[in-house]
Protein backbone atom coordinates (compact mmCIF):
# COMPACT_ATOMS: atom_id res chain seq x y z
CA MET A 1 27.79 91.64 -132.47
CA LYS A 2 26.47 90.68 -135.89
CA HIS A 3 28.82 90.49 -138.84
CA THR A 4 29.53 93.82 -140.49
CA LEU A 5 28.65 92.75 -144.02
CA GLN A 6 25.30 91.29 -142.99
CA ILE A 7 24.45 94.57 -141.21
CA THR A 8 25.38 96.55 -144.32
CA LEU A 9 23.14 94.41 -146.50
CA ALA A 10 20.21 94.57 -144.10
CA VAL A 11 20.37 98.34 -143.71
CA ALA A 12 20.47 98.77 -147.46
CA GLY A 13 17.37 96.56 -147.74
CA LEU A 14 18.98 94.49 -150.45
CA ALA A 15 17.48 91.39 -152.00
CA ILE A 16 20.35 89.81 -153.89
CA ALA A 17 19.22 88.04 -157.02
CA ALA A 18 21.31 86.07 -159.46
CA GLN A 19 22.08 88.19 -162.50
CA ALA A 20 24.42 87.78 -165.46
CA GLN A 21 27.94 88.74 -164.38
CA THR A 22 26.99 91.38 -161.86
CA ILE A 23 28.82 92.87 -158.90
CA GLN A 24 26.18 92.77 -156.20
CA PRO A 25 25.11 95.72 -154.02
CA PRO A 26 26.50 97.34 -151.97
CA PHE A 27 29.83 96.40 -153.56
CA ASN A 28 28.85 97.66 -157.03
CA ALA A 29 29.25 101.22 -155.73
CA ALA A 30 32.95 100.67 -155.03
CA TYR A 31 34.09 97.89 -157.39
CA ALA A 32 34.07 97.21 -161.13
CA TYR A 33 35.29 94.42 -163.39
CA THR A 34 37.04 94.11 -166.75
CA ASP A 35 36.67 91.05 -168.97
CA LEU A 36 40.05 90.35 -170.64
CA GLY A 37 38.65 87.43 -172.64
CA ASN A 38 40.31 84.24 -173.74
CA ILE A 39 44.03 83.46 -174.23
CA PRO A 40 43.98 81.36 -177.42
CA SER A 41 47.37 79.72 -176.83
CA ILE A 42 46.30 78.18 -173.50
CA PRO A 43 44.14 75.07 -173.91
CA GLY A 44 40.77 75.04 -172.16
CA ASN A 45 39.38 74.39 -169.75
CA TYR A 46 41.22 76.86 -167.53
CA GLY A 47 42.33 75.95 -164.02
CA GLY A 48 44.01 78.07 -161.38
CA VAL A 49 45.73 81.39 -161.99
CA THR A 50 48.60 83.23 -160.26
CA PHE A 51 51.38 85.66 -161.08
CA LYS A 52 54.85 84.21 -161.59
CA HIS A 53 57.06 84.35 -158.52
CA ASN A 54 58.79 87.74 -158.40
CA ASP A 55 57.60 88.62 -161.90
CA PRO A 56 54.45 90.78 -161.81
CA ASN A 57 54.28 90.95 -165.61
CA THR A 58 53.85 87.24 -166.23
CA LEU A 59 50.64 85.35 -165.46
CA LEU A 60 50.47 81.59 -164.89
CA VAL A 61 47.28 79.80 -165.95
CA GLY A 62 46.28 76.16 -165.63
CA GLY A 63 45.29 74.64 -168.98
CA ALA A 64 43.47 71.44 -169.97
CA ALA A 65 42.20 71.38 -166.39
CA ASN A 66 40.83 68.24 -164.72
CA GLY A 67 42.51 65.96 -167.26
CA ALA A 68 45.69 63.87 -167.45
CA SER A 69 47.19 66.42 -169.88
CA GLY A 70 46.69 69.30 -167.44
CA ALA A 71 49.59 71.76 -167.35
CA ILE A 72 50.62 75.24 -166.26
CA TYR A 73 51.37 77.91 -168.88
CA GLU A 74 52.83 81.40 -168.65
CA ILE A 75 51.84 84.47 -170.65
CA ALA A 76 53.12 88.06 -170.64
CA VAL A 77 50.56 90.66 -169.55
CA VAL A 78 49.95 94.11 -170.98
CA ARG A 79 49.30 97.05 -168.64
CA ASP A 80 48.06 100.59 -169.16
CA ALA A 81 49.70 103.72 -167.74
CA SER A 82 48.10 103.11 -164.33
CA GLY A 83 49.41 99.55 -164.22
CA ALA A 84 46.01 97.91 -164.76
CA LEU A 85 45.88 94.76 -166.88
CA THR A 86 44.51 95.35 -170.38
CA GLY A 87 45.44 92.13 -172.17
CA PHE A 88 48.15 89.63 -173.02
CA SER A 89 51.19 89.62 -175.28
CA GLY A 90 52.70 86.88 -177.41
CA THR A 91 52.11 83.15 -177.15
CA ALA A 92 51.82 81.23 -173.91
CA THR A 93 54.60 78.76 -173.12
CA LEU A 94 54.58 75.60 -171.01
CA VAL A 95 55.93 75.97 -167.46
CA SER A 96 55.24 72.49 -166.11
CA THR A 97 52.97 69.55 -166.47
CA ALA A 98 50.32 69.44 -163.73
CA PRO A 99 48.02 66.47 -164.31
CA TYR A 100 44.38 67.11 -163.34
CA ILE A 101 45.12 70.69 -162.25
CA ASP A 102 42.03 72.38 -160.82
CA GLY A 103 41.31 75.83 -159.36
CA GLY A 104 44.07 75.87 -156.72
CA LEU A 105 47.35 77.43 -157.86
CA ALA A 106 49.61 79.44 -155.52
CA TYR A 107 53.22 79.85 -154.48
CA GLY A 108 54.32 78.59 -151.08
CA PRO A 109 57.67 79.01 -149.31
CA ASN A 110 60.93 78.94 -151.30
CA GLY A 111 59.10 79.62 -154.56
CA VAL A 112 57.50 76.16 -154.60
CA LEU A 113 54.32 76.19 -156.73
CA PHE A 114 51.35 74.32 -155.20
CA TYR A 115 48.33 73.14 -157.19
CA THR A 116 45.23 71.00 -156.64
CA GLY A 117 44.21 68.00 -158.76
CA TYR A 118 40.58 67.05 -159.57
CA PRO A 119 38.98 64.45 -159.56
CA VAL A 120 42.01 62.61 -158.14
CA ASN A 121 42.01 64.60 -154.85
CA GLU A 122 45.70 65.45 -155.02
CA LEU A 123 48.02 68.23 -153.91
CA GLY A 124 50.99 68.79 -156.23
CA GLN A 125 54.20 70.75 -155.67
CA ILE A 126 56.62 72.04 -158.32
CA LYS A 127 60.06 73.34 -157.36
CA PRO A 128 61.58 76.39 -159.12
CA GLY A 129 63.02 75.29 -162.45
CA SER A 130 61.12 71.99 -162.58
CA ASN A 131 58.84 71.17 -165.51
CA VAL A 132 57.09 68.23 -163.82
CA PRO A 133 55.61 67.90 -160.31
CA ASP A 134 58.25 67.13 -157.66
CA ARG A 135 55.81 65.91 -155.02
CA VAL A 136 52.19 64.75 -155.17
CA ASP A 137 50.12 63.90 -152.07
CA ASN A 138 46.82 62.04 -151.97
CA LEU A 139 44.59 64.30 -149.91
CA THR A 140 42.14 61.53 -149.09
CA ASN A 141 44.86 60.07 -146.88
CA LEU A 142 45.05 63.45 -145.13
CA GLY A 143 41.35 63.64 -144.38
CA VAL A 144 40.12 65.80 -147.28
CA SER A 145 36.84 64.57 -148.77
CA SER A 146 37.14 63.79 -152.48
CA SER A 147 37.74 65.71 -154.47
CA VAL A 148 39.67 68.86 -153.83
CA GLY A 149 39.19 72.05 -155.77
CA ALA A 150 40.86 75.01 -154.07
CA LEU A 151 43.94 76.07 -152.09
CA GLY A 152 45.46 79.26 -150.73
CA PHE A 153 48.04 80.45 -148.19
CA THR A 154 46.82 82.65 -145.35
CA PRO A 155 48.69 85.99 -145.34
CA THR A 156 50.21 87.74 -142.35
CA GLY A 157 47.66 89.54 -140.17
CA PHE A 158 44.75 87.13 -140.76
CA PRO A 159 43.62 84.43 -138.33
CA GLY A 160 45.53 81.25 -139.14
CA ALA A 161 48.35 83.25 -140.77
CA GLY A 162 50.86 81.06 -142.59
CA GLU A 163 48.60 78.04 -142.95
CA LEU A 164 47.75 76.30 -146.21
CA LYS A 165 43.98 76.29 -146.70
CA ILE A 166 42.34 73.63 -148.84
CA ALA A 167 38.67 73.33 -149.87
CA SER A 168 36.94 70.29 -151.35
CA TYR A 169 34.90 70.93 -154.51
CA ASN A 170 32.58 67.97 -153.95
CA GLY A 171 32.53 67.78 -150.17
CA GLY A 172 32.67 71.50 -149.41
CA GLY A 173 35.04 71.08 -146.46
CA PHE A 174 37.36 74.03 -145.74
CA TYR A 175 40.54 72.76 -144.03
CA GLY A 176 43.65 74.24 -142.43
CA PHE A 177 47.05 72.57 -142.95
CA THR A 178 50.53 73.17 -141.63
CA TYR A 179 53.62 72.33 -143.68
CA ALA A 180 57.29 71.65 -143.06
CA PRO A 181 60.34 71.00 -145.29
CA ASP A 182 60.63 67.34 -146.31
CA GLY A 183 64.35 67.49 -147.08
CA ASN A 184 63.81 67.39 -150.84
CA GLY A 185 62.98 71.03 -151.49
CA THR A 186 59.24 70.42 -151.16
CA PHE A 187 56.94 70.27 -148.13
CA GLN A 188 55.14 67.71 -146.04
CA VAL A 189 51.65 68.86 -145.08
CA ALA A 190 49.62 67.92 -142.02
CA ALA A 191 46.00 68.59 -141.06
CA ALA A 192 45.74 71.32 -138.41
CA ASN A 193 42.10 72.37 -138.05
CA GLY A 194 38.66 72.28 -139.63
CA PRO A 195 36.83 71.47 -141.65
CA THR A 196 34.12 74.04 -141.71
CA GLN A 197 31.41 73.34 -144.27
CA ILE A 198 30.85 75.57 -147.31
CA ASN A 199 28.99 74.88 -150.53
CA GLY A 200 28.86 75.96 -154.15
CA GLY A 201 31.86 74.01 -155.48
CA PRO A 202 34.81 76.05 -154.15
CA GLU A 203 37.61 76.49 -156.70
CA GLY A 204 39.63 79.55 -155.67
CA ILE A 205 40.70 80.93 -152.28
CA LEU A 206 41.88 84.50 -151.71
CA TYR A 207 42.04 86.73 -148.66
CA ALA A 208 40.39 90.14 -149.05
CA PRO A 209 43.24 92.67 -149.25
CA PRO A 210 43.34 95.17 -146.37
CA GLY A 211 42.10 98.62 -147.26
CA SER A 212 39.27 97.27 -149.45
CA SER A 213 36.08 99.33 -149.38
CA LEU A 214 33.12 97.81 -147.43
CA ILE A 215 35.20 94.80 -146.34
CA PRO A 216 36.69 94.97 -142.82
CA ASP A 217 40.45 94.40 -142.76
CA TYR A 218 41.87 90.94 -142.00
CA GLN A 219 38.46 89.32 -141.50
CA TYR A 220 37.26 87.92 -144.84
CA VAL A 221 38.16 85.22 -147.34
CA ILE A 222 37.04 85.32 -150.97
CA ILE A 223 35.87 82.05 -152.55
CA THR A 224 35.05 81.35 -156.20
CA GLU A 225 32.13 78.94 -156.61
CA ASP A 226 32.03 76.98 -159.86
CA SER A 227 28.63 75.40 -159.20
CA THR A 228 26.89 78.74 -158.60
CA GLY A 229 29.00 80.87 -160.94
CA SER A 230 29.72 83.26 -158.08
CA VAL A 231 32.49 84.98 -156.17
CA VAL A 232 31.51 85.17 -152.49
CA LEU A 233 32.82 86.43 -149.15
CA TYR A 234 33.00 84.53 -145.88
CA GLN A 235 34.05 85.91 -142.52
CA LEU A 236 36.88 83.92 -140.92
CA ASP A 237 36.63 81.99 -137.70
CA ALA A 238 39.38 82.01 -135.06
CA ALA A 239 41.34 79.36 -136.97
CA GLY A 240 41.21 81.33 -140.23
CA ASN A 241 38.61 79.04 -141.84
CA ALA A 242 35.46 80.17 -143.63
CA ASN A 243 32.46 80.58 -141.32
CA PRO A 244 29.56 79.06 -143.31
CA ALA A 245 26.93 81.28 -141.66
CA THR A 246 28.49 84.46 -143.08
CA ARG A 247 28.35 83.86 -146.86
CA VAL A 248 27.73 87.04 -148.88
CA PRO A 249 27.65 87.12 -152.72
CA PHE A 250 30.09 89.60 -154.24
CA LEU A 251 29.91 88.82 -157.98
CA THR A 252 27.34 86.57 -159.65
CA GLY A 253 26.74 85.24 -163.16
CA LEU A 254 30.39 84.23 -163.70
CA SER A 255 29.94 80.87 -165.41
CA GLY A 256 32.63 78.40 -164.38
CA ALA A 257 34.18 80.66 -161.72
CA GLU A 258 37.57 79.00 -161.13
CA GLY A 259 40.99 80.31 -160.09
CA ALA A 260 41.77 83.51 -158.22
CA CYS A 261 44.83 85.63 -157.42
CA THR A 262 45.85 89.20 -156.62
CA ASP A 263 47.67 91.46 -159.06
CA PRO A 264 50.84 92.47 -157.17
CA ILE A 265 51.02 95.82 -158.97
CA THR A 266 47.46 97.18 -158.71
CA GLY A 267 45.84 95.05 -156.01
CA ASP A 268 43.11 94.05 -158.48
CA LEU A 269 41.75 90.53 -158.16
CA VAL A 270 42.19 88.25 -161.16
CA PHE A 271 39.81 85.35 -161.90
CA SER A 272 39.84 82.53 -164.44
CA THR A 273 36.87 80.47 -165.65
CA TYR A 274 36.53 76.75 -166.32
CA GLY A 275 34.56 76.88 -169.56
CA GLY A 276 32.30 79.91 -169.77
CA GLY A 277 34.53 81.05 -172.60
CA ASN A 278 37.72 80.25 -170.65
CA ARG A 279 38.21 83.87 -169.75
CA ILE A 280 40.33 86.03 -167.48
CA LEU A 281 38.58 88.81 -165.53
CA THR A 282 39.91 91.49 -163.21
CA VAL A 283 37.99 93.24 -160.43
CA HIS A 284 39.12 96.74 -159.41
CA GLY A 285 38.66 98.59 -156.14
CA PHE A 286 40.46 96.35 -153.66
CA GLY A 287 43.20 97.58 -151.35
CA VAL A 288 46.65 97.89 -152.87
CA CYS A 289 49.43 95.91 -151.25
CA GLY A 290 52.58 96.90 -153.09
CA SER A 291 54.95 94.22 -154.36
CA PHE A 292 57.96 92.04 -153.57
CA GLN A 293 60.72 91.12 -156.01
CA ASN A 294 63.94 89.18 -155.50
CA TYR A 295 67.19 90.24 -157.15
CA GLY A 296 70.86 89.29 -157.20
CA THR A 297 72.49 86.07 -155.99
CA GLY A 298 73.04 84.77 -152.47
CA ILE A 299 75.78 82.63 -150.91
CA ALA A 300 75.18 78.89 -150.50
CA GLY A 301 75.51 77.23 -147.11
CA GLN A 302 74.61 73.98 -145.41
CA GLY A 303 71.29 73.42 -147.19
CA GLY A 304 71.94 75.46 -150.31
CA THR A 305 71.23 79.17 -150.62
CA PRO A 306 68.94 80.65 -147.94
CA THR A 307 65.85 82.34 -149.35
CA ILE A 308 64.20 85.66 -148.51
CA ASP A 309 60.59 86.50 -149.40
CA GLY A 310 57.93 89.04 -148.50
CA GLY A 311 54.57 88.19 -146.98
CA GLY A 312 51.33 89.87 -146.01
CA CYS A 313 50.46 93.26 -147.50
CA ALA A 314 53.16 95.81 -148.39
CA GLY A 315 50.69 98.65 -148.00
CA ARG A 316 50.65 101.64 -145.65
CA GLY A 317 48.98 100.82 -142.37
CA GLN A 318 49.06 97.10 -143.14
CA PHE A 319 50.89 94.07 -141.80
CA THR A 320 53.79 92.76 -143.86
CA SER A 321 56.65 90.39 -143.19
CA ILE A 322 60.14 89.43 -144.29
CA ASP A 323 60.44 85.65 -144.31
CA ILE A 324 63.66 83.62 -144.33
CA SER A 325 63.76 79.91 -145.24
CA ASN A 326 66.31 77.23 -146.11
CA GLY A 327 69.02 78.56 -143.76
CA ARG A 328 71.23 76.54 -141.42
CA PRO A 329 69.07 75.46 -138.47
CA ASN A 330 69.58 77.62 -135.36
CA ALA A 331 72.12 79.86 -137.11
CA PRO A 332 72.62 83.42 -135.85
CA GLY A 333 72.41 86.12 -138.47
CA LEU A 334 71.89 89.75 -139.51
CA LEU A 335 69.17 91.18 -141.70
CA ALA A 336 70.56 94.15 -143.65
CA VAL A 337 68.04 96.88 -144.54
CA GLY A 338 68.45 99.90 -146.79
CA PHE A 339 66.78 102.11 -149.36
CA SER A 340 69.13 101.48 -152.30
CA PRO A 341 70.53 98.35 -153.96
CA ILE A 342 74.26 97.92 -154.53
CA THR A 343 76.58 95.27 -155.95
CA GLN A 344 79.67 94.97 -153.76
CA PRO A 345 81.88 91.84 -153.51
CA VAL A 346 81.96 90.45 -149.97
CA LEU A 347 82.61 87.03 -148.35
CA ASN A 348 82.94 85.24 -151.68
CA GLY A 349 79.55 86.66 -152.66
CA THR A 350 77.78 89.98 -153.14
CA LEU A 351 76.40 92.57 -150.75
CA LEU A 352 73.15 93.72 -152.38
CA VAL A 353 71.94 96.45 -149.97
CA GLN A 354 73.27 99.92 -149.15
CA ILE A 355 72.92 99.24 -145.42
CA THR A 356 71.00 101.70 -143.24
CA SER A 357 70.25 99.36 -140.34
CA THR A 358 70.58 95.71 -139.31
CA TYR A 359 68.50 93.28 -137.24
CA PHE A 360 70.21 90.49 -135.30
CA HIS A 361 68.20 87.25 -135.10
CA VAL A 362 68.53 83.45 -134.87
CA LEU A 363 66.92 80.98 -137.26
CA ASN A 364 64.70 78.29 -135.78
CA GLY A 365 65.29 74.54 -135.98
CA GLY A 366 63.83 74.48 -139.48
CA GLY A 367 66.19 77.18 -140.75
CA GLN A 368 63.41 79.80 -140.81
CA TRP A 369 62.74 83.26 -139.36
CA SER A 370 60.10 85.91 -139.93
CA LEU A 371 60.04 89.62 -139.10
CA GLY A 372 56.49 90.98 -138.89
CA LEU A 373 55.92 94.71 -139.38
CA LEU A 374 53.00 97.11 -139.18
CA LEU A 375 53.81 99.71 -141.83
CA PRO A 376 53.17 103.41 -141.02
CA THR A 377 50.27 105.26 -142.64
CA ASP A 378 52.38 108.36 -143.34
CA PRO A 379 52.10 109.33 -147.07
CA VAL A 380 55.90 109.50 -147.30
CA TRP A 381 55.82 105.69 -147.32
CA ASN A 382 53.75 105.56 -150.51
CA GLY A 383 56.12 104.36 -153.24
CA LEU A 384 58.97 103.76 -150.79
CA ASN A 385 61.55 101.21 -151.96
CA ILE A 386 63.06 98.98 -149.26
CA TYR A 387 65.92 96.55 -149.92
CA THR A 388 66.86 93.67 -147.62
CA GLN A 389 69.39 90.81 -147.50
CA SER A 390 70.21 88.39 -144.69
CA PHE A 391 73.56 86.80 -143.64
CA TYR A 392 74.19 83.74 -141.41
CA ILE A 393 77.07 82.02 -139.63
CA ASP A 394 77.37 78.77 -141.58
CA GLY A 395 80.43 76.53 -141.49
CA ALA A 396 79.40 74.88 -144.76
CA ALA A 397 79.74 78.17 -146.66
CA THR A 398 83.05 78.88 -148.38
CA LEU A 399 84.07 81.62 -145.94
CA GLY A 400 81.80 80.57 -143.09
CA VAL A 401 78.90 82.89 -143.95
CA SER A 402 75.86 82.13 -146.11
CA ALA A 403 73.48 84.78 -147.47
CA THR A 404 70.14 85.21 -149.17
CA ASN A 405 69.71 87.07 -152.40
CA GLY A 406 68.10 90.52 -152.20
CA LEU A 407 64.45 91.39 -151.65
CA HIS A 408 63.01 94.61 -153.07
CA THR A 409 59.79 95.68 -151.33
CA LEU A 410 57.73 98.45 -152.94
CA VAL A 411 55.31 99.96 -150.42
CA ARG A 412 51.97 101.35 -151.63
């Protein structure tokens, strides 16, 4: 069976031509963009872009990209009554140095911020609270052709879910990597599959949110191409890598197309440009995935405080997950679930959930566990607030039990 997008294009009889900043047919019937312009307090050229971990009202942007003075800055966003981005507020502040930062910028497990470095072909990692990189790997040694441009983490529900995907700007290879804790709060990565071969100077990697018009769920990756000034779609192969034979232009004429991320409030896609005015654009019409936000304080155990995060898409009818990391290896535990937060002293810590139900489970040898869920389509779930916290038997904790902080999931 031929790929759905190619069929759509053929039936419509479309001849796609490069135009100035244009959403290409048939997508122009369902999607639109807004140009938010330049952020004067962030030095050009722009690199990657992502929202701050558990803070949907703060945007991170790479500045002075591709140079030794490259760094990551944060800026408050302004939203309208519907939640859509309309601009920025105040002056950007420095988050961390990130020498040679390029288009890749995304959070991995435990709130560790990953970025790519060009032309040095590096992968950097920044731990929460750090203002300099905590780990830098030479990707040439890991088989990535020089030099890297893009990275992204594959969400729950897609082929290759959980993998780190990396694409070379110069070589065009699209690679899959696994990762594991290195004992220092960062992660050791290892080649897993690929590469497939794509072109156009890939700089940003996103997975098309489920529920997006004209794009089949859990099948497509979105790539920004600096060399062509385009945002394109590729269907995924069985390993979750871009299939080069399935490239379809989505938006053209975007000079210096660079970083890419998803707005956790609206589901809009957000793009940055390297040069081309060093601008931030949003594209509306994609599926909405709700949001995740941590709150409160956990209880430290053997390896510190266990962490709880959300993954996938917190949208009705979509796959989502609750992901635990940094717990005591092989520890038994309970995930507490409820619909209201509380603050109640317990076990030398705080219970953060008004408990409705619990899920018994055991962490794996890496101190991790994940609960995957297919959310109902019932409208009653739209806007539903779910609160979770997990507890573990841990002899290193003060009273023998460690705990995560809370996770607030807002379903859309």
